[in-house]
Amino acid sequence: MIHFYEKLMIECDYPDVNAFVRELLEEKSRIVLHINQKLNEIRARGQVSEGIISSFEPDII
């Protein structure tokens, strides 16, 4: 979707429309960044949980 807005911004030379598309592009970029941050947090929590769980598992020899 971001690529679509980037292409549209390049093709559009009308200042008002270009500014509007630029705002949309910035908004969508922030949303994608926020999603990536949340995914990284979830992964990190999962790794911590796995580490805690594995520390309670008995060692099998």
Protein backbone atom coordinates (compact mmCIF):
# COMPACT_ATOMS: atom_id res chain seq x y z
CA MET A 1 0.00 0.00 0.00
CA ILE A 2 2.87 2.34 0.78
CA HIS A 3 4.34 1.70 -2.67
CA PHE A 4 0.99 2.61 -4.21
CA TYR A 5 0.99 5.97 -2.42
CA GLU A 6 4.62 6.58 -3.39
CA LYS A 7 3.83 5.96 -7.06
CA LEU A 8 0.74 8.13 -6.86
CA MET A 9 2.72 10.96 -5.29
CA ILE A 10 5.34 10.78 -8.06
CA GLU A 11 2.69 10.79 -10.81
CA CYS A 12 0.60 13.57 -9.31
CA ASP A 13 1.79 17.11 -9.92
CA TYR A 14 -1.22 18.97 -8.48
CA PRO A 15 0.04 20.49 -5.20
CA ASP A 16 -3.09 19.91 -3.08
CA VAL A 17 -3.46 16.31 -4.14
CA ASN A 18 0.26 15.72 -3.77
CA ALA A 19 0.19 17.10 -0.22
CA PHE A 20 -2.84 14.94 0.62
CA VAL A 21 -1.15 11.80 -0.71
CA ARG A 22 2.04 12.70 1.17
CA GLU A 23 0.03 12.90 4.41
CA LEU A 24 -1.53 9.50 3.68
CA LEU A 25 1.90 8.05 2.96
CA GLU A 26 3.33 9.38 6.21
CA GLU A 27 0.34 8.08 8.17
CA LYS A 28 0.57 4.61 6.63
CA SER A 29 4.33 4.55 7.22
CA ARG A 30 3.79 5.34 10.91
CA ILE A 31 1.20 2.57 11.14
CA VAL A 32 3.58 0.05 9.55
CA LEU A 33 6.35 1.12 11.93
CA HIS A 34 3.99 0.76 14.90
CA ILE A 35 2.95 -2.73 13.77
CA ASN A 36 6.59 -3.78 13.40
CA GLN A 37 7.40 -2.46 16.87
CA LYS A 38 4.49 -4.42 18.39
CA LEU A 39 5.54 -7.59 16.56
CA ASN A 40 9.07 -7.20 17.90
CA GLU A 41 7.70 -6.74 21.43
CA ILE A 42 5.58 -9.88 21.09
CA ARG A 43 8.56 -11.87 19.78
CA ALA A 44 10.73 -10.65 22.66
CA ARG A 45 8.07 -11.59 25.24
CA GLY A 46 7.75 -15.01 23.62
CA GLN A 47 11.48 -15.58 23.84
CA VAL A 48 11.52 -14.56 27.50
CA SER A 49 8.61 -16.88 28.23
CA GLU A 50 10.32 -19.75 26.41
CA GLY A 51 13.48 -19.12 28.43
CA ILE A 52 11.58 -19.15 31.70
CA ILE A 53 9.68 -22.32 30.80
CA SER A 54 12.83 -24.10 29.65
CA SER A 55 14.57 -23.25 32.92
CA PHE A 56 11.94 -25.31 34.76
CA GLU A 57 12.19 -28.31 32.48
CA PRO A 58 14.24 -31.14 33.91
CA ASP A 59 17.49 -32.00 32.18
CA ILE A 60 17.21 -35.38 30.50
CA ILE A 61 20.50 -37.27 30.41
